[in-house]
Amino acid sequence: MSRQLLRTRIPNNYISTKMTLDNYDGLTDQKHAQNIQSSLELVIQDNNVMCTILPTTFRESLHAWYNNLESDSIISFGDFCTKLVAGLA
């Protein structure tokens, strides 16, 4: 992830306590990133914040995939989603 994205702080008022994000283990629906994006865009229009929140939904081997990404390899949420889907294919 880019250094700018890694420095992103999530403001407390961005996430509604009523909003729940499904966990993702990489074994189910590969449209997870798209579903998360749709959910987040209801309350967040900040690319950096969405990139910061997406990995919090990852479980199991998806954490290993995420942790092995090269530094500065993700520059936007769209880029993140593309890499996620390609990495699972």
PDB file of N, CA and C in Angstrom:
ATOM      1  N   MET A   1       0.841  -1.162   0.000  1.00  0.00           N
ATOM      2  CA  MET A   1       0.000   0.000   0.000  1.00  0.00           C
ATOM      3  C   MET A   1       0.896   1.238   0.000  1.00  0.00           C
ATOM      4  N   SER A   2       0.442   2.324  -0.617  1.00  0.00           N
ATOM      5  CA  SER A   2       1.268   3.524  -0.676  1.00  0.00           C
ATOM      6  C   SER A   2       1.410   4.133   0.709  1.00  0.00           C
ATOM      7  N   ARG A   3       2.472   4.879   0.910  1.00  0.00           N
ATOM      8  CA  ARG A   3       2.721   5.505   2.220  1.00  0.00           C
ATOM      9  C   ARG A   3       1.576   6.436   2.616  1.00  0.00           C
ATOM     10  N   GLN A   4       1.029   7.142   1.633  1.00  0.00           N
ATOM     11  CA  GLN A   4      -0.091   8.047   1.911  1.00  0.00           C
ATOM     12  C   GLN A   4      -1.288   7.269   2.450  1.00  0.00           C
ATOM     13  N   LEU A   5      -1.584   6.125   1.848  1.00  0.00           N
ATOM     14  CA  LEU A   5      -2.704   5.315   2.309  1.00  0.00           C
ATOM     15  C   LEU A   5      -2.444   4.753   3.696  1.00  0.00           C
ATOM     16  N   LEU A   6      -1.205   4.358   3.954  1.00  0.00           N
ATOM     17  CA  LEU A   6      -0.869   3.800   5.262  1.00  0.00           C
ATOM     18  C   LEU A   6      -0.986   4.824   6.385  1.00  0.00           C
ATOM     19  N   ARG A   7      -0.845   6.098   6.060  1.00  0.00           N
ATOM     20  CA  ARG A   7      -0.941   7.157   7.077  1.00  0.00           C
ATOM     21  C   ARG A   7      -2.376   7.618   7.317  1.00  0.00           C
ATOM     22  N   THR A   8      -3.315   7.073   6.578  1.00  0.00           N
ATOM     23  CA  THR A   8      -4.704   7.512   6.677  1.00  0.00           C
ATOM     24  C   THR A   8      -5.306   7.155   8.026  1.00  0.00           C
ATOM     25  N   ARG A   9      -5.929   8.126   8.646  1.00  0.00           N
ATOM     26  CA  ARG A   9      -6.665   7.899   9.885  1.00  0.00           C
ATOM     27  C   ARG A   9      -8.152   7.912   9.543  1.00  0.00           C
ATOM     28  N   ILE A  10      -8.895   7.093  10.214  1.00  0.00           N
ATOM     29  CA  ILE A  10     -10.327   7.013   9.958  1.00  0.00           C
ATOM     30  C   ILE A  10     -11.053   7.853  10.997  1.00  0.00           C
ATOM     31  N   PRO A  11     -11.679   8.944  10.560  1.00  0.00           N
ATOM     32  CA  PRO A  11     -12.432   9.779  11.505  1.00  0.00           C
ATOM     33  C   PRO A  11     -13.568   8.983  12.140  1.00  0.00           C
ATOM     34  N   ASN A  12     -13.797   9.211  13.422  1.00  0.00           N
ATOM     35  CA  ASN A  12     -14.837   8.481  14.156  1.00  0.00           C
ATOM     36  C   ASN A  12     -16.209   8.605  13.523  1.00  0.00           C
ATOM     37  N   ASN A  13     -16.509   9.739  12.940  1.00  0.00           N
ATOM     38  CA  ASN A  13     -17.851   9.953  12.391  1.00  0.00           C
ATOM     39  C   ASN A  13     -18.051   9.326  11.011  1.00  0.00           C
ATOM     40  N   TYR A  14     -17.047   8.679  10.448  1.00  0.00           N
ATOM     41  CA  TYR A  14     -17.187   8.101   9.117  1.00  0.00           C
ATOM     42  C   TYR A  14     -17.996   6.819   9.106  1.00  0.00           C
ATOM     43  N   ILE A  15     -17.898   6.036  10.134  1.00  0.00           N
ATOM     44  CA  ILE A  15     -18.559   4.742  10.135  1.00  0.00           C
ATOM     45  C   ILE A  15     -19.750   4.769  11.074  1.00  0.00           C
ATOM     46  N   SER A  16     -20.884   4.428  10.526  1.00  0.00           N
ATOM     47  CA  SER A  16     -22.099   4.330  11.322  1.00  0.00           C
ATOM     48  C   SER A  16     -22.038   3.058  12.148  1.00  0.00           C
ATOM     49  N   THR A  17     -22.493   3.139  13.377  1.00  0.00           N
ATOM     50  CA  THR A  17     -22.499   1.941  14.215  1.00  0.00           C
ATOM     51  C   THR A  17     -23.477   0.910  13.672  1.00  0.00           C
ATOM     52  N   LYS A  18     -24.399   1.316  12.817  1.00  0.00           N
ATOM     53  CA  LYS A  18     -25.356   0.394  12.228  1.00  0.00           C
ATOM     54  C   LYS A  18     -24.786  -0.324  11.008  1.00  0.00           C
ATOM     55  N   MET A  19     -23.671   0.166  10.481  1.00  0.00           N
ATOM     56  CA  MET A  19     -23.090  -0.418   9.293  1.00  0.00           C
ATOM     57  C   MET A  19     -22.189  -1.581   9.678  1.00  0.00           C
ATOM     58  N   THR A  20     -22.449  -2.742   9.136  1.00  0.00           N
ATOM     59  CA  THR A  20     -21.601  -3.895   9.393  1.00  0.00           C
ATOM     60  C   THR A  20     -20.998  -4.353   8.076  1.00  0.00           C
ATOM     61  N   LEU A  21     -19.739  -4.681   8.122  1.00  0.00           N
ATOM     62  CA  LEU A  21     -19.034  -5.142   6.934  1.00  0.00           C
ATOM     63  C   LEU A  21     -18.752  -6.626   7.089  1.00  0.00           C
ATOM     64  N   ASP A  22     -19.093  -7.408   6.081  1.00  0.00           N
ATOM     65  CA  ASP A  22     -18.864  -8.843   6.129  1.00  0.00           C
ATOM     66  C   ASP A  22     -17.375  -9.150   6.117  1.00  0.00           C
ATOM     67  N   ASN A  23     -16.995 -10.190   6.847  1.00  0.00           N
ATOM     68  CA  ASN A  23     -15.626 -10.690   6.808  1.00  0.00           C
ATOM     69  C   ASN A  23     -15.426 -11.459   5.516  1.00  0.00           C
ATOM     70  N   TYR A  24     -14.186 -11.538   5.072  1.00  0.00           N
ATOM     71  CA  TYR A  24     -13.898 -12.182   3.804  1.00  0.00           C
ATOM     72  C   TYR A  24     -12.674 -13.058   3.941  1.00  0.00           C
ATOM     73  N   ASP A  25     -12.820 -14.333   3.601  1.00  0.00           N
ATOM     74  CA  ASP A  25     -11.713 -15.274   3.707  1.00  0.00           C
ATOM     75  C   ASP A  25     -11.098 -15.624   2.349  1.00  0.00           C
ATOM     76  N   GLY A  26     -11.615 -15.049   1.284  1.00  0.00           N
ATOM     77  CA  GLY A  26     -11.082 -15.303  -0.053  1.00  0.00           C
ATOM     78  C   GLY A  26     -11.637 -16.559  -0.698  1.00  0.00           C
ATOM     79  N   LEU A  27     -12.476 -17.287   0.015  1.00  0.00           N
ATOM     80  CA  LEU A  27     -13.004 -18.539  -0.506  1.00  0.00           C
ATOM     81  C   LEU A  27     -14.426 -18.406  -1.023  1.00  0.00           C
ATOM     82  N   THR A  28     -15.059 -17.320  -0.713  1.00  0.00           N
ATOM     83  CA  THR A  28     -16.445 -17.134  -1.107  1.00  0.00           C
ATOM     84  C   THR A  28     -16.538 -16.154  -2.265  1.00  0.00           C
ATOM     85  N   ASP A  29     -17.630 -15.475  -2.386  1.00  0.00           N
ATOM     86  CA  ASP A  29     -17.905 -14.535  -3.469  1.00  0.00           C
ATOM     87  C   ASP A  29     -16.749 -13.570  -3.708  1.00  0.00           C
ATOM     88  N   GLN A  30     -16.217 -13.556  -4.910  1.00  0.00           N
ATOM     89  CA  GLN A  30     -15.107 -12.664  -5.237  1.00  0.00           C
ATOM     90  C   GLN A  30     -15.567 -11.228  -5.459  1.00  0.00           C
ATOM     91  N   LYS A  31     -16.833 -10.971  -5.290  1.00  0.00           N
ATOM     92  CA  LYS A  31     -17.337  -9.610  -5.431  1.00  0.00           C
ATOM     93  C   LYS A  31     -17.312  -8.877  -4.092  1.00  0.00           C
ATOM     94  N   HIS A  32     -16.602  -9.429  -3.133  1.00  0.00           N
ATOM     95  CA  HIS A  32     -16.543  -8.837  -1.796  1.00  0.00           C
ATOM     96  C   HIS A  32     -16.112  -7.371  -1.856  1.00  0.00           C
ATOM     97  N   ALA A  33     -15.042  -7.083  -2.573  1.00  0.00           N
ATOM     98  CA  ALA A  33     -14.543  -5.712  -2.642  1.00  0.00           C
ATOM     99  C   ALA A  33     -15.600  -4.777  -3.208  1.00  0.00           C
ATOM    100  N   GLN A  34     -16.336  -5.248  -4.199  1.00  0.00           N
ATOM    101  CA  GLN A  34     -17.404  -4.441  -4.793  1.00  0.00           C
ATOM    102  C   GLN A  34     -18.520  -4.193  -3.779  1.00  0.00           C
ATOM    103  N   ASN A  35     -18.875  -5.217  -3.014  1.00  0.00           N
ATOM    104  CA  ASN A  35     -19.909  -5.060  -1.998  1.00  0.00           C
ATOM    105  C   ASN A  35     -19.464  -4.107  -0.894  1.00  0.00           C
ATOM    106  N   ILE A  36     -18.213  -4.225  -0.483  1.00  0.00           N
ATOM    107  CA  ILE A  36     -17.671  -3.327   0.538  1.00  0.00           C
ATOM    108  C   ILE A  36     -17.656  -1.903   0.000  1.00  0.00           C
ATOM    109  N   GLN A  37     -17.228  -1.742  -1.245  1.00  0.00           N
ATOM    110  CA  GLN A  37     -17.187  -0.411  -1.845  1.00  0.00           C
ATOM    111  C   GLN A  37     -18.574   0.219  -1.834  1.00  0.00           C
ATOM    112  N   SER A  38     -19.574  -0.530  -2.234  1.00  0.00           N
ATOM    113  CA  SER A  38     -20.942  -0.003  -2.246  1.00  0.00           C
ATOM    114  C   SER A  38     -21.381   0.408  -0.850  1.00  0.00           C
ATOM    115  N   SER A  39     -21.083  -0.423   0.138  1.00  0.00           N
ATOM    116  CA  SER A  39     -21.454  -0.109   1.522  1.00  0.00           C
ATOM    117  C   SER A  39     -20.735   1.139   2.020  1.00  0.00           C
ATOM    118  N   LEU A  40     -19.441   1.209   1.757  1.00  0.00           N
ATOM    119  CA  LEU A  40     -18.656   2.338   2.249  1.00  0.00           C
ATOM    120  C   LEU A  40     -19.049   3.649   1.576  1.00  0.00           C
ATOM    121  N   GLU A  41     -19.354   3.586   0.281  1.00  0.00           N
ATOM    122  CA  GLU A  41     -19.682   4.808  -0.441  1.00  0.00           C
ATOM    123  C   GLU A  41     -20.973   5.445   0.044  1.00  0.00           C
ATOM    124  N   LEU A  42     -21.781   4.692   0.780  1.00  0.00           N
ATOM    125  CA  LEU A  42     -22.987   5.280   1.360  1.00  0.00           C
ATOM    126  C   LEU A  42     -22.638   6.330   2.408  1.00  0.00           C
ATOM    127  N   VAL A  43     -21.525   6.151   3.090  1.00  0.00           N
ATOM    128  CA  VAL A  43     -21.128   7.095   4.144  1.00  0.00           C
ATOM    129  C   VAL A  43     -19.759   7.725   3.916  1.00  0.00           C
ATOM    130  N   ILE A  44     -18.959   7.149   3.050  1.00  0.00           N
ATOM    131  CA  ILE A  44     -17.583   7.624   2.862  1.00  0.00           C
ATOM    132  C   ILE A  44     -17.333   7.903   1.384  1.00  0.00           C
ATOM    133  N   GLN A  45     -16.770   9.032   1.097  1.00  0.00           N
ATOM    134  CA  GLN A  45     -16.358   9.319  -0.273  1.00  0.00           C
ATOM    135  C   GLN A  45     -14.854   9.564  -0.316  1.00  0.00           C
ATOM    136  N   ASP A  46     -14.140   8.917   0.566  1.00  0.00           N
ATOM    137  CA  ASP A  46     -12.701   9.118   0.679  1.00  0.00           C
ATOM    138  C   ASP A  46     -11.966   7.834   0.297  1.00  0.00           C
ATOM    139  N   ASN A  47     -11.273   7.864  -0.825  1.00  0.00           N
ATOM    140  CA  ASN A  47     -10.527   6.728  -1.354  1.00  0.00           C
ATOM    141  C   ASN A  47      -9.576   6.146  -0.316  1.00  0.00           C
ATOM    142  N   ASN A  48      -8.834   7.000   0.371  1.00  0.00           N
ATOM    143  CA  ASN A  48      -7.842   6.529   1.340  1.00  0.00           C
ATOM    144  C   ASN A  48      -8.490   5.798   2.502  1.00  0.00           C
ATOM    145  N   VAL A  49      -9.604   6.317   2.982  1.00  0.00           N
ATOM    146  CA  VAL A  49     -10.295   5.681   4.101  1.00  0.00           C
ATOM    147  C   VAL A  49     -10.835   4.316   3.672  1.00  0.00           C
ATOM    148  N   MET A  50     -11.385   4.223   2.475  1.00  0.00           N
ATOM    149  CA  MET A  50     -11.901   2.932   1.998  1.00  0.00           C
ATOM    150  C   MET A  50     -10.771   1.913   1.881  1.00  0.00           C
ATOM    151  N   CYS A  51      -9.595   2.345   1.430  1.00  0.00           N
ATOM    152  CA  CYS A  51      -8.440   1.446   1.338  1.00  0.00           C
ATOM    153  C   CYS A  51      -7.989   0.982   2.719  1.00  0.00           C
ATOM    154  N   THR A  52      -8.149   1.830   3.699  1.00  0.00           N
ATOM    155  CA  THR A  52      -7.754   1.490   5.057  1.00  0.00           C
ATOM    156  C   THR A  52      -8.747   0.529   5.699  1.00  0.00           C
ATOM    157  N   ILE A  53     -10.016   0.681   5.377  1.00  0.00           N
ATOM    158  CA  ILE A  53     -11.056  -0.160   5.982  1.00  0.00           C
ATOM    159  C   ILE A  53     -11.115  -1.551   5.349  1.00  0.00           C
ATOM    160  N   LEU A  54     -10.932  -1.671   4.044  1.00  0.00           N
ATOM    161  CA  LEU A  54     -11.084  -2.957   3.364  1.00  0.00           C
ATOM    162  C   LEU A  54     -10.300  -4.093   4.034  1.00  0.00           C
ATOM    163  N   PRO A  55      -9.017  -3.921   4.362  1.00  0.00           N
ATOM    164  CA  PRO A  55      -8.277  -5.039   4.965  1.00  0.00           C
ATOM    165  C   PRO A  55      -8.802  -5.471   6.338  1.00  0.00           C
ATOM    166  N   THR A  56      -9.567  -4.633   6.991  1.00  0.00           N
ATOM    167  CA  THR A  56     -10.110  -5.027   8.290  1.00  0.00           C
ATOM    168  C   THR A  56     -11.170  -6.105   8.145  1.00  0.00           C
ATOM    169  N   THR A  57     -11.626  -6.341   6.914  1.00  0.00           N
ATOM    170  CA  THR A  57     -12.630  -7.384   6.674  1.00  0.00           C
ATOM    171  C   THR A  57     -11.976  -8.712   6.298  1.00  0.00           C
ATOM    172  N   PHE A  58     -10.671  -8.706   6.071  1.00  0.00           N
ATOM    173  CA  PHE A  58      -9.980  -9.915   5.622  1.00  0.00           C
ATOM    174  C   PHE A  58      -9.800 -10.914   6.757  1.00  0.00           C
ATOM    175  N   ARG A  59      -9.916 -12.174   6.431  1.00  0.00           N
ATOM    176  CA  ARG A  59      -9.718 -13.257   7.372  1.00  0.00           C
ATOM    177  C   ARG A  59      -8.811 -14.309   6.742  1.00  0.00           C
ATOM    178  N   GLU A  60      -8.215 -15.114   7.581  1.00  0.00           N
ATOM    179  CA  GLU A  60      -7.438 -16.283   7.199  1.00  0.00           C
ATOM    180  C   GLU A  60      -6.365 -15.974   6.157  1.00  0.00           C
ATOM    181  N   SER A  61      -6.307 -16.731   5.069  1.00  0.00           N
ATOM    182  CA  SER A  61      -5.210 -16.600   4.102  1.00  0.00           C
ATOM    183  C   SER A  61      -5.194 -15.251   3.396  1.00  0.00           C
ATOM    184  N   LEU A  62      -6.308 -14.552   3.422  1.00  0.00           N
ATOM    185  CA  LEU A  62      -6.342 -13.237   2.782  1.00  0.00           C
ATOM    186  C   LEU A  62      -5.429 -12.249   3.502  1.00  0.00           C
ATOM    187  N   HIS A  63      -5.258 -12.422   4.804  1.00  0.00           N
ATOM    188  CA  HIS A  63      -4.304 -11.587   5.542  1.00  0.00           C
ATOM    189  C   HIS A  63      -2.886 -11.816   5.023  1.00  0.00           C
ATOM    190  N   ALA A  64      -2.540 -13.067   4.770  1.00  0.00           N
ATOM    191  CA  ALA A  64      -1.204 -13.377   4.247  1.00  0.00           C
ATOM    192  C   ALA A  64      -1.007 -12.720   2.883  1.00  0.00           C
ATOM    193  N   TRP A  65      -2.021 -12.815   2.019  1.00  0.00           N
ATOM    194  CA  TRP A  65      -1.938 -12.175   0.701  1.00  0.00           C
ATOM    195  C   TRP A  65      -1.706 -10.672   0.858  1.00  0.00           C
ATOM    196  N   TYR A  66      -2.499 -10.057   1.719  1.00  0.00           N
ATOM    197  CA  TYR A  66      -2.402  -8.612   1.943  1.00  0.00           C
ATOM    198  C   TYR A  66      -1.029  -8.237   2.500  1.00  0.00           C
ATOM    199  N   ASN A  67      -0.554  -8.986   3.480  1.00  0.00           N
ATOM    200  CA  ASN A  67       0.738  -8.682   4.105  1.00  0.00           C
ATOM    201  C   ASN A  67       1.905  -8.875   3.158  1.00  0.00           C
ATOM    202  N   ASN A  68       1.722  -9.666   2.103  1.00  0.00           N
ATOM    203  CA  ASN A  68       2.792  -9.900   1.140  1.00  0.00           C
ATOM    204  C   ASN A  68       2.776  -8.938  -0.045  1.00  0.00           C
ATOM    205  N   LEU A  69       1.839  -8.013  -0.073  1.00  0.00           N
ATOM    206  CA  LEU A  69       1.836  -7.020  -1.148  1.00  0.00           C
ATOM    207  C   LEU A  69       3.084  -6.151  -1.050  1.00  0.00           C
ATOM    208  N   GLU A  70       3.619  -5.792  -2.189  1.00  0.00           N
ATOM    209  CA  GLU A  70       4.789  -4.928  -2.206  1.00  0.00           C
ATOM    210  C   GLU A  70       4.433  -3.539  -1.702  1.00  0.00           C
ATOM    211  N   SER A  71       5.387  -2.914  -1.046  1.00  0.00           N
ATOM    212  CA  SER A  71       5.204  -1.549  -0.577  1.00  0.00           C
ATOM    213  C   SER A  71       4.887  -0.639  -1.762  1.00  0.00           C
ATOM    214  N   ASP A  72       3.981   0.283  -1.576  1.00  0.00           N
ATOM    215  CA  ASP A  72       3.561   1.240  -2.613  1.00  0.00           C
ATOM    216  C   ASP A  72       2.891   0.582  -3.817  1.00  0.00           C
ATOM    217  N   SER A  73       2.381  -0.648  -3.664  1.00  0.00           N
ATOM    218  CA  SER A  73       1.774  -1.325  -4.812  1.00  0.00           C
ATOM    219  C   SER A  73       0.293  -0.986  -4.984  1.00  0.00           C
ATOM    220  N   ILE A  74      -0.321  -0.381  -3.981  1.00  0.00           N
ATOM    221  CA  ILE A  74      -1.727  -0.002  -4.077  1.00  0.00           C
ATOM    222  C   ILE A  74      -1.818   1.511  -3.951  1.00  0.00           C
ATOM    223  N   ILE A  75      -2.459   2.136  -4.940  1.00  0.00           N
ATOM    224  CA  ILE A  75      -2.526   3.593  -4.932  1.00  0.00           C
ATOM    225  C   ILE A  75      -3.952   4.130  -4.866  1.00  0.00           C
ATOM    226  N   SER A  76      -4.942   3.240  -5.023  1.00  0.00           N
ATOM    227  CA  SER A  76      -6.335   3.675  -4.965  1.00  0.00           C
ATOM    228  C   SER A  76      -7.221   2.483  -4.589  1.00  0.00           C
ATOM    229  N   PHE A  77      -8.463   2.769  -4.232  1.00  0.00           N
ATOM    230  CA  PHE A  77      -9.384   1.694  -3.887  1.00  0.00           C
ATOM    231  C   PHE A  77      -9.661   0.811  -5.101  1.00  0.00           C
ATOM    232  N   GLY A  78      -9.823   1.421  -6.267  1.00  0.00           N
ATOM    233  CA  GLY A  78     -10.031   0.649  -7.488  1.00  0.00           C
ATOM    234  C   GLY A  78      -8.863  -0.272  -7.776  1.00  0.00           C
ATOM    235  N   ASP A  79      -7.654   0.233  -7.582  1.00  0.00           N
ATOM    236  CA  ASP A  79      -6.444  -0.554  -7.769  1.00  0.00           C
ATOM    237  C   ASP A  79      -6.417  -1.711  -6.773  1.00  0.00           C
ATOM    238  N   PHE A  80      -6.780  -1.429  -5.524  1.00  0.00           N
ATOM    239  CA  PHE A  80      -6.831  -2.441  -4.473  1.00  0.00           C
ATOM    240  C   PHE A  80      -7.800  -3.561  -4.878  1.00  0.00           C
ATOM    241  N   CYS A  81      -8.987  -3.189  -5.331  1.00  0.00           N
ATOM    242  CA  CYS A  81      -9.997  -4.172  -5.731  1.00  0.00           C
ATOM    243  C   CYS A  81      -9.514  -5.019  -6.894  1.00  0.00           C
ATOM    244  N   THR A  82      -8.869  -4.386  -7.862  1.00  0.00           N
ATOM    245  CA  THR A  82      -8.342  -5.104  -9.020  1.00  0.00           C
ATOM    246  C   THR A  82      -7.300  -6.131  -8.591  1.00  0.00           C
ATOM    247  N   LYS A  83      -6.390  -5.722  -7.722  1.00  0.00           N
ATOM    248  CA  LYS A  83      -5.350  -6.628  -7.241  1.00  0.00           C
ATOM    249  C   LYS A  83      -5.940  -7.752  -6.392  1.00  0.00           C
ATOM    250  N   LEU A  84      -6.962  -7.426  -5.614  1.00  0.00           N
ATOM    251  CA  LEU A  84      -7.609  -8.436  -4.781  1.00  0.00           C
ATOM    252  C   LEU A  84      -8.230  -9.523  -5.638  1.00  0.00           C
ATOM    253  N   VAL A  85      -8.991  -9.127  -6.649  1.00  0.00           N
ATOM    254  CA  VAL A  85      -9.653 -10.102  -7.522  1.00  0.00           C
ATOM    255  C   VAL A  85      -8.610 -10.897  -8.312  1.00  0.00           C
ATOM    256  N   ALA A  86      -7.573 -10.224  -8.813  1.00  0.00           N
ATOM    257  CA  ALA A  86      -6.526 -10.919  -9.580  1.00  0.00           C
ATOM    258  C   ALA A  86      -5.760 -11.894  -8.692  1.00  0.00           C
ATOM    259  N   GLY A  87      -5.532 -11.507  -7.450  1.00  0.00           N
ATOM    260  CA  GLY A  87      -4.803 -12.367  -6.528  1.00  0.00           C
ATOM    261  C   GLY A  87      -5.578 -13.609  -6.133  1.00  0.00           C
ATOM    262  N   LEU A  88      -6.884 -13.572  -6.273  1.00  0.00           N
ATOM    263  CA  LEU A  88      -7.729 -14.702  -5.913  1.00  0.00           C
ATOM    264  C   LEU A  88      -8.029 -15.601  -7.092  1.00  0.00           C
ATOM    265  N   ALA A  89      -7.726 -15.118  -8.284  1.00  0.00           N
ATOM    266  CA  ALA A  89      -8.051 -15.894  -9.493  1.00  0.00           C
ATOM    267  C   ALA A  89      -7.127 -17.076  -9.658  1.00  0.00           C
TER     268      ALA A  89
END
